[in-house]
């Protein structure tokens, strides 16, 4: 399919929307949720740490998170991973 054919198809699809509907990007309708915490503030609490070696890029999954104490956490351990 050429770019011009693809554009025409998208324009045709936009015309088929029900009254009151409109096209939107995901960024317009979804909230990007980023949670940050500082493990050093809880030095004796254990948490699961996910680094690059914990991710299987073929399966697109976390394969092995490590349990570490807040006081042993690297400074880059800040973003919280949310499950879905």
PDB file of N, CA and C in Angstrom:
ATOM      1  N   UNK A   1       0.855  -1.175   0.000  1.00  0.00           N
ATOM      2  CA  UNK A   1       0.000   0.000   0.000  1.00  0.00           C
ATOM      3  C   UNK A   1       0.896   1.231   0.000  1.00  0.00           C
ATOM      4  N   UNK A   2       0.638   2.131  -0.896  1.00  0.00           N
ATOM      5  CA  UNK A   2       1.444   3.345  -0.982  1.00  0.00           C
ATOM      6  C   UNK A   2       1.001   4.341   0.090  1.00  0.00           C
ATOM      7  N   UNK A   3       1.836   5.335   0.347  1.00  0.00           N
ATOM      8  CA  UNK A   3       1.524   6.352   1.356  1.00  0.00           C
ATOM      9  C   UNK A   3       0.260   7.112   1.001  1.00  0.00           C
ATOM     10  N   UNK A   4       0.068   7.400  -0.301  1.00  0.00           N
ATOM     11  CA  UNK A   4      -1.120   8.158  -0.702  1.00  0.00           C
ATOM     12  C   UNK A   4      -2.383   7.335  -0.502  1.00  0.00           C
ATOM     13  N   UNK A   5      -2.326   6.033  -0.782  1.00  0.00           N
ATOM     14  CA  UNK A   5      -3.473   5.153  -0.568  1.00  0.00           C
ATOM     15  C   UNK A   5      -3.775   5.047   0.923  1.00  0.00           C
ATOM     16  N   UNK A   6      -2.732   4.951   1.723  1.00  0.00           N
ATOM     17  CA  UNK A   6      -2.892   4.862   3.180  1.00  0.00           C
ATOM     18  C   UNK A   6      -3.544   6.133   3.718  1.00  0.00           C
ATOM     19  N   UNK A   7      -3.148   7.299   3.222  1.00  0.00           N
ATOM     20  CA  UNK A   7      -3.721   8.566   3.659  1.00  0.00           C
ATOM     21  C   UNK A   7      -5.194   8.658   3.284  1.00  0.00           C
ATOM     22  N   UNK A   8      -5.529   8.255   2.099  1.00  0.00           N
ATOM     23  CA  UNK A   8      -6.923   8.286   1.660  1.00  0.00           C
ATOM     24  C   UNK A   8      -7.761   7.362   2.541  1.00  0.00           C
ATOM     25  N   UNK A   9      -7.248   6.194   2.844  1.00  0.00           N
ATOM     26  CA  UNK A   9      -7.975   5.245   3.683  1.00  0.00           C
ATOM     27  C   UNK A   9      -8.214   5.834   5.072  1.00  0.00           C
ATOM     28  N   UNK A  10      -7.225   6.460   5.659  1.00  0.00           N
ATOM     29  CA  UNK A  10      -7.378   7.076   6.973  1.00  0.00           C
ATOM     30  C   UNK A  10      -8.399   8.204   6.919  1.00  0.00           C
ATOM     31  N   UNK A  11      -8.348   9.007   5.880  1.00  0.00           N
ATOM     32  CA  UNK A  11      -9.323  10.095   5.746  1.00  0.00           C
ATOM     33  C   UNK A  11     -10.740   9.525   5.605  1.00  0.00           C
ATOM     34  N   UNK A  12     -10.871   8.458   4.854  1.00  0.00           N
ATOM     35  CA  UNK A  12     -12.187   7.819   4.704  1.00  0.00           C
ATOM     36  C   UNK A  12     -12.681   7.269   6.030  1.00  0.00           C
ATOM     37  N   UNK A  13     -11.780   6.670   6.794  1.00  0.00           N
ATOM     38  CA  UNK A  13     -12.153   6.117   8.105  1.00  0.00           C
ATOM     39  C   UNK A  13     -12.580   7.231   9.061  1.00  0.00           C
ATOM     40  N   UNK A  14     -11.903   8.364   9.005  1.00  0.00           N
ATOM     41  CA  UNK A  14     -12.258   9.488   9.869  1.00  0.00           C
ATOM     42  C   UNK A  14     -13.674   9.981   9.572  1.00  0.00           C
ATOM     43  N   UNK A  15     -14.070   9.902   8.315  1.00  0.00           N
ATOM     44  CA  UNK A  15     -15.409  10.346   7.939  1.00  0.00           C
ATOM     45  C   UNK A  15     -16.488   9.394   8.444  1.00  0.00           C
ATOM     46  N   UNK A  16     -16.135   8.162   8.796  1.00  0.00           N
ATOM     47  CA  UNK A  16     -17.100   7.161   9.234  1.00  0.00           C
ATOM     48  C   UNK A  16     -17.379   7.212  10.741  1.00  0.00           C
ATOM     49  N   UNK A  17     -16.746   8.096  11.462  1.00  0.00           N
ATOM     50  CA  UNK A  17     -16.949   8.171  12.905  1.00  0.00           C
ATOM     51  C   UNK A  17     -18.389   8.580  13.225  1.00  0.00           C
ATOM     52  N   UNK A  18     -18.949   8.025  14.300  1.00  0.00           N
ATOM     53  CA  UNK A  18     -20.298   8.441  14.720  1.00  0.00           C
ATOM     54  C   UNK A  18     -20.313   9.913  15.116  1.00  0.00           C
ATOM     55  N   UNK A  19     -21.474  10.522  15.054  1.00  0.00           N
ATOM     56  CA  UNK A  19     -21.619  11.930  15.438  1.00  0.00           C
ATOM     57  C   UNK A  19     -21.124  12.141  16.869  1.00  0.00           C
ATOM     58  N   UNK A  20     -20.386  13.205  17.078  1.00  0.00           N
ATOM     59  CA  UNK A  20     -19.874  13.528  18.403  1.00  0.00           C
ATOM     60  C   UNK A  20     -18.534  12.881  18.720  1.00  0.00           C
ATOM     61  N   UNK A  21     -18.062  11.958  17.899  1.00  0.00           N
ATOM     62  CA  UNK A  21     -16.767  11.315  18.100  1.00  0.00           C
ATOM     63  C   UNK A  21     -15.714  12.082  17.320  1.00  0.00           C
ATOM     64  N   UNK A  22     -14.445  11.927  17.751  1.00  0.00           N
ATOM     65  CA  UNK A  22     -13.340  12.521  17.003  1.00  0.00           C
ATOM     66  C   UNK A  22     -12.112  11.648  17.161  1.00  0.00           C
ATOM     67  N   UNK A  23     -11.194  11.757  16.233  1.00  0.00           N
ATOM     68  CA  UNK A  23      -9.931  11.041  16.316  1.00  0.00           C
ATOM     69  C   UNK A  23      -9.042  11.735  17.336  1.00  0.00           C
ATOM     70  N   UNK A  24      -8.280  10.944  18.106  1.00  0.00           N
ATOM     71  CA  UNK A  24      -7.363  11.497  19.098  1.00  0.00           C
ATOM     72  C   UNK A  24      -6.134  10.597  19.191  1.00  0.00           C
ATOM     73  N   UNK A  25      -5.041  11.160  19.610  1.00  0.00           N
ATOM     74  CA  UNK A  25      -3.837  10.360  19.863  1.00  0.00           C
ATOM     75  C   UNK A  25      -3.945   9.750  21.249  1.00  0.00           C
ATOM     76  N   UNK A  26      -3.183   8.704  21.498  1.00  0.00           N
ATOM     77  CA  UNK A  26      -3.190   8.101  22.833  1.00  0.00           C
ATOM     78  C   UNK A  26      -2.751   9.103  23.897  1.00  0.00           C
ATOM     79  N   UNK A  27      -1.802   9.954  23.557  1.00  0.00           N
ATOM     80  CA  UNK A  27      -1.336  10.958  24.497  1.00  0.00           C
ATOM     81  C   UNK A  27      -2.408  11.946  24.922  1.00  0.00           C
ATOM     82  N   UNK A  28      -3.413  12.133  24.068  1.00  0.00           N
ATOM     83  CA  UNK A  28      -4.513  13.041  24.403  1.00  0.00           C
ATOM     84  C   UNK A  28      -5.521  12.403  25.353  1.00  0.00           C
ATOM     85  N   UNK A  29      -5.601  11.083  25.369  1.00  0.00           N
ATOM     86  CA  UNK A  29      -6.645  10.420  26.158  1.00  0.00           C
ATOM     87  C   UNK A  29      -6.124   9.518  27.275  1.00  0.00           C
ATOM     88  N   UNK A  30      -4.812   9.323  27.344  1.00  0.00           N
ATOM     89  CA  UNK A  30      -4.221   8.470  28.381  1.00  0.00           C
ATOM     90  C   UNK A  30      -3.332   9.293  29.297  1.00  0.00           C
ATOM     91  N   UNK A  31      -3.325   8.931  30.547  1.00  0.00           N
ATOM     92  CA  UNK A  31      -2.471   9.608  31.514  1.00  0.00           C
ATOM     93  C   UNK A  31      -1.183   8.803  31.667  1.00  0.00           C
ATOM     94  N   UNK A  32      -0.076   9.457  31.469  1.00  0.00           N
ATOM     95  CA  UNK A  32       1.218   8.812  31.656  1.00  0.00           C
ATOM     96  C   UNK A  32       1.517   8.820  33.147  1.00  0.00           C
ATOM     97  N   UNK A  33       1.632   7.636  33.715  1.00  0.00           N
ATOM     98  CA  UNK A  33       1.818   7.543  35.161  1.00  0.00           C
ATOM     99  C   UNK A  33       3.259   7.148  35.473  1.00  0.00           C
ATOM    100  N   UNK A  34       3.952   8.024  36.133  1.00  0.00           N
ATOM    101  CA  UNK A  34       5.318   7.746  36.556  1.00  0.00           C
ATOM    102  C   UNK A  34       5.382   7.961  38.068  1.00  0.00           C
ATOM    103  N   UNK A  35       5.752   6.904  38.766  1.00  0.00           N
ATOM    104  CA  UNK A  35       5.930   6.999  40.216  1.00  0.00           C
ATOM    105  C   UNK A  35       7.419   6.892  40.513  1.00  0.00           C
ATOM    106  N   UNK A  36       7.875   7.742  41.394  1.00  0.00           N
ATOM    107  CA  UNK A  36       9.294   7.748  41.763  1.00  0.00           C
ATOM    108  C   UNK A  36       9.400   7.636  43.276  1.00  0.00           C
ATOM    109  N   UNK A  37      10.362   6.840  43.721  1.00  0.00           N
ATOM    110  CA  UNK A  37      10.637   6.744  45.148  1.00  0.00           C
ATOM    111  C   UNK A  37      12.137   6.669  45.358  1.00  0.00           C
ATOM    112  N   UNK A  38      12.563   6.972  46.549  1.00  0.00           N
ATOM    113  CA  UNK A  38      13.982   6.950  46.882  1.00  0.00           C
ATOM    114  C   UNK A  38      14.212   5.834  47.901  1.00  0.00           C
ATOM    115  N   UNK A  39      14.746   4.690  47.469  1.00  0.00           N
ATOM    116  CA  UNK A  39      14.956   3.559  48.386  1.00  0.00           C
ATOM    117  C   UNK A  39      15.889   3.886  49.554  1.00  0.00           C
ATOM    118  N   UNK A  40      16.755   4.861  49.372  1.00  0.00           N
ATOM    119  CA  UNK A  40      17.680   5.204  50.468  1.00  0.00           C
ATOM    120  C   UNK A  40      16.946   5.816  51.665  1.00  0.00           C
ATOM    121  N   UNK A  41      15.709   6.280  51.434  1.00  0.00           N
ATOM    122  CA  UNK A  41      14.911   6.828  52.539  1.00  0.00           C
ATOM    123  C   UNK A  41      14.363   5.713  53.431  1.00  0.00           C
ATOM    124  N   UNK A  42      14.379   4.488  52.928  1.00  0.00           N
ATOM    125  CA  UNK A  42      13.956   3.311  53.694  1.00  0.00           C
ATOM    126  C   UNK A  42      15.071   2.271  53.612  1.00  0.00           C
ATOM    127  N   UNK A  43      16.201   2.534  54.255  1.00  0.00           N
ATOM    128  CA  UNK A  43      17.405   1.714  54.069  1.00  0.00           C
ATOM    129  C   UNK A  43      17.259   0.251  54.486  1.00  0.00           C
ATOM    130  N   UNK A  44      16.370  -0.049  55.418  1.00  0.00           N
ATOM    131  CA  UNK A  44      16.243  -1.422  55.898  1.00  0.00           C
ATOM    132  C   UNK A  44      15.060  -2.178  55.296  1.00  0.00           C
ATOM    133  N   UNK A  45      14.406  -1.578  54.314  1.00  0.00           N
ATOM    134  CA  UNK A  45      13.271  -2.208  53.646  1.00  0.00           C
ATOM    135  C   UNK A  45      13.763  -2.887  52.364  1.00  0.00           C
ATOM    136  N   UNK A  46      13.334  -4.126  52.164  1.00  0.00           N
ATOM    137  CA  UNK A  46      13.682  -4.874  50.957  1.00  0.00           C
ATOM    138  C   UNK A  46      12.669  -4.564  49.859  1.00  0.00           C
ATOM    139  N   UNK A  47      13.161  -4.413  48.641  1.00  0.00           N
ATOM    140  CA  UNK A  47      12.266  -4.229  47.501  1.00  0.00           C
ATOM    141  C   UNK A  47      12.820  -4.973  46.296  1.00  0.00           C
ATOM    142  N   UNK A  48      11.977  -5.147  45.285  1.00  0.00           N
ATOM    143  CA  UNK A  48      12.402  -5.821  44.066  1.00  0.00           C
ATOM    144  C   UNK A  48      13.021  -4.799  43.127  1.00  0.00           C
ATOM    145  N   UNK A  49      14.221  -5.099  42.679  1.00  0.00           N
ATOM    146  CA  UNK A  49      14.950  -4.210  41.785  1.00  0.00           C
ATOM    147  C   UNK A  49      15.034  -4.857  40.401  1.00  0.00           C
ATOM    148  N   UNK A  50      14.622  -4.118  39.393  1.00  0.00           N
ATOM    149  CA  UNK A  50      14.667  -4.603  38.014  1.00  0.00           C
ATOM    150  C   UNK A  50      15.725  -3.807  37.267  1.00  0.00           C
ATOM    151  N   UNK A  51      16.764  -4.498  36.824  1.00  0.00           N
ATOM    152  CA  UNK A  51      17.761  -3.835  35.981  1.00  0.00           C
ATOM    153  C   UNK A  51      17.710  -4.471  34.596  1.00  0.00           C
ATOM    154  N   UNK A  52      18.571  -4.049  33.719  1.00  0.00           N
ATOM    155  CA  UNK A  52      18.524  -4.505  32.326  1.00  0.00           C
ATOM    156  C   UNK A  52      18.712  -6.013  32.207  1.00  0.00           C
ATOM    157  N   UNK A  53      19.476  -6.610  33.110  1.00  0.00           N
ATOM    158  CA  UNK A  53      19.677  -8.063  33.041  1.00  0.00           C
ATOM    159  C   UNK A  53      18.435  -8.828  33.495  1.00  0.00           C
ATOM    160  N   UNK A  54      17.478  -8.140  34.103  1.00  0.00           N
ATOM    161  CA  UNK A  54      16.236  -8.774  34.552  1.00  0.00           C
ATOM    162  C   UNK A  54      15.181  -8.848  33.454  1.00  0.00           C
ATOM    163  N   UNK A  55      15.459  -8.246  32.311  1.00  0.00           N
ATOM    164  CA  UNK A  55      14.462  -8.154  31.242  1.00  0.00           C
ATOM    165  C   UNK A  55      14.822  -9.080  30.091  1.00  0.00           C
ATOM    166  N   UNK A  56      13.852  -9.888  29.686  1.00  0.00           N
ATOM    167  CA  UNK A  56      14.011 -10.748  28.518  1.00  0.00           C
ATOM    168  C   UNK A  56      13.448  -9.992  27.322  1.00  0.00           C
ATOM    169  N   UNK A  57      14.331  -9.528  26.432  1.00  0.00           N
ATOM    170  CA  UNK A  57      13.866  -8.706  25.319  1.00  0.00           C
ATOM    171  C   UNK A  57      13.170  -9.514  24.232  1.00  0.00           C
ATOM    172  N   UNK A  58      13.320 -10.817  24.226  1.00  0.00           N
ATOM    173  CA  UNK A  58      12.611 -11.660  23.262  1.00  0.00           C
ATOM    174  C   UNK A  58      11.167 -11.862  23.694  1.00  0.00           C
ATOM    175  N   UNK A  59      10.986 -12.177  24.974  1.00  0.00           N
ATOM    176  CA  UNK A  59       9.638 -12.412  25.512  1.00  0.00           C
ATOM    177  C   UNK A  59       8.951 -11.128  25.964  1.00  0.00           C
ATOM    178  N   UNK A  60       9.701 -10.024  26.011  1.00  0.00           N
ATOM    179  CA  UNK A  60       9.169  -8.734  26.476  1.00  0.00           C
ATOM    180  C   UNK A  60       8.603  -8.864  27.889  1.00  0.00           C
ATOM    181  N   UNK A  61       9.411  -9.450  28.782  1.00  0.00           N
ATOM    182  CA  UNK A  61       8.943  -9.667  30.151  1.00  0.00           C
ATOM    183  C   UNK A  61      10.105  -9.546  31.136  1.00  0.00           C
ATOM    184  N   UNK A  62       9.728  -9.308  32.388  1.00  0.00           N
ATOM    185  CA  UNK A  62      10.718  -9.300  33.470  1.00  0.00           C
ATOM    186  C   UNK A  62      10.883 -10.738  33.913  1.00  0.00           C
ATOM    187  N   UNK A  63      12.104 -11.235  33.851  1.00  0.00           N
ATOM    188  CA  UNK A  63      12.335 -12.645  34.156  1.00  0.00           C
ATOM    189  C   UNK A  63      12.861 -12.882  35.562  1.00  0.00           C
ATOM    190  N   UNK A  64      13.598 -11.938  36.091  1.00  0.00           N
ATOM    191  CA  UNK A  64      14.212 -12.182  37.390  1.00  0.00           C
ATOM    192  C   UNK A  64      14.569 -10.877  38.102  1.00  0.00           C
ATOM    193  N   UNK A  65      13.647 -10.361  38.894  1.00  0.00           N
ATOM    194  CA  UNK A  65      13.934  -9.165  39.683  1.00  0.00           C
ATOM    195  C   UNK A  65      14.723  -9.585  40.924  1.00  0.00           C
ATOM    196  N   UNK A  66      15.642  -8.742  41.346  1.00  0.00           N
ATOM    197  CA  UNK A  66      16.452  -9.037  42.534  1.00  0.00           C
ATOM    198  C   UNK A  66      15.839  -8.383  43.771  1.00  0.00           C
ATOM    199  N   UNK A  67      15.954  -9.029  44.899  1.00  0.00           N
ATOM    200  CA  UNK A  67      15.546  -8.470  46.187  1.00  0.00           C
ATOM    201  C   UNK A  67      16.764  -7.768  46.782  1.00  0.00           C
ATOM    202  N   UNK A  68      16.643  -6.465  47.028  1.00  0.00           N
ATOM    203  CA  UNK A  68      17.755  -5.739  47.645  1.00  0.00           C
ATOM    204  C   UNK A  68      17.223  -4.796  48.720  1.00  0.00           C
ATOM    205  N   UNK A  69      18.085  -4.443  49.636  1.00  0.00           N
ATOM    206  CA  UNK A  69      17.745  -3.468  50.678  1.00  0.00           C
ATOM    207  C   UNK A  69      17.863  -2.059  50.118  1.00  0.00           C
ATOM    208  N   UNK A  70      17.067  -1.164  50.644  1.00  0.00           N
ATOM    209  CA  UNK A  70      17.111   0.231  50.215  1.00  0.00           C
ATOM    210  C   UNK A  70      18.495   0.828  50.321  1.00  0.00           C
ATOM    211  N   UNK A  71      19.227   0.475  51.375  1.00  0.00           N
ATOM    212  CA  UNK A  71      20.576   1.033  51.554  1.00  0.00           C
ATOM    213  C   UNK A  71      21.571   0.505  50.517  1.00  0.00           C
ATOM    214  N   UNK A  72      21.234  -0.627  49.869  1.00  0.00           N
ATOM    215  CA  UNK A  72      22.113  -1.209  48.858  1.00  0.00           C
ATOM    216  C   UNK A  72      21.684  -0.859  47.433  1.00  0.00           C
ATOM    217  N   UNK A  73      20.633  -0.090  47.309  1.00  0.00           N
ATOM    218  CA  UNK A  73      20.091   0.226  45.986  1.00  0.00           C
ATOM    219  C   UNK A  73      20.988   1.213  45.248  1.00  0.00           C
ATOM    220  N   UNK A  74      21.171   0.991  43.954  1.00  0.00           N
ATOM    221  CA  UNK A  74      21.929   1.979  43.176  1.00  0.00           C
ATOM    222  C   UNK A  74      21.150   3.285  43.088  1.00  0.00           C
ATOM    223  N   UNK A  75      21.832   4.367  42.860  1.00  0.00           N
ATOM    224  CA  UNK A  75      21.175   5.680  42.824  1.00  0.00           C
ATOM    225  C   UNK A  75      20.160   5.788  41.688  1.00  0.00           C
ATOM    226  N   UNK A  76      20.303   4.977  40.652  1.00  0.00           N
ATOM    227  CA  UNK A  76      19.359   5.026  39.519  1.00  0.00           C
ATOM    228  C   UNK A  76      18.053   4.278  39.802  1.00  0.00           C
ATOM    229  N   UNK A  77      17.963   3.578  40.936  1.00  0.00           N
ATOM    230  CA  UNK A  77      16.747   2.817  41.292  1.00  0.00           C
ATOM    231  C   UNK A  77      15.711   3.784  41.847  1.00  0.00           C
ATOM    232  N   UNK A  78      14.930   4.391  40.962  1.00  0.00           N
ATOM    233  CA  UNK A  78      13.970   5.404  41.384  1.00  0.00           C
ATOM    234  C   UNK A  78      12.566   5.180  40.848  1.00  0.00           C
ATOM    235  N   UNK A  79      12.433   4.651  39.635  1.00  0.00           N
ATOM    236  CA  UNK A  79      11.103   4.504  39.036  1.00  0.00           C
ATOM    237  C   UNK A  79      10.421   3.229  39.528  1.00  0.00           C
ATOM    238  N   UNK A  80       9.163   3.377  39.863  1.00  0.00           N
ATOM    239  CA  UNK A  80       8.351   2.264  40.331  1.00  0.00           C
ATOM    240  C   UNK A  80       7.705   1.606  39.115  1.00  0.00           C
ATOM    241  N   UNK A  81       7.756   0.279  39.059  1.00  0.00           N
ATOM    242  CA  UNK A  81       7.131  -0.473  37.962  1.00  0.00           C
ATOM    243  C   UNK A  81       5.733  -0.880  38.427  1.00  0.00           C
ATOM    244  N   UNK A  82       4.727  -0.512  37.635  1.00  0.00           N
ATOM    245  CA  UNK A  82       3.348  -0.862  37.955  1.00  0.00           C
ATOM    246  C   UNK A  82       2.930  -2.086  37.151  1.00  0.00           C
ATOM    247  N   UNK A  83       2.200  -2.996  37.772  1.00  0.00           N
ATOM    248  CA  UNK A  83       1.689  -4.159  37.052  1.00  0.00           C
ATOM    249  C   UNK A  83       0.372  -3.818  36.395  1.00  0.00           C
ATOM    250  N   UNK A  84       0.052  -4.555  35.368  1.00  0.00           N
ATOM    251  CA  UNK A  84      -1.247  -4.362  34.702  1.00  0.00           C
ATOM    252  C   UNK A  84      -1.976  -5.681  34.592  1.00  0.00           C
TER     253      UNK A  84
END
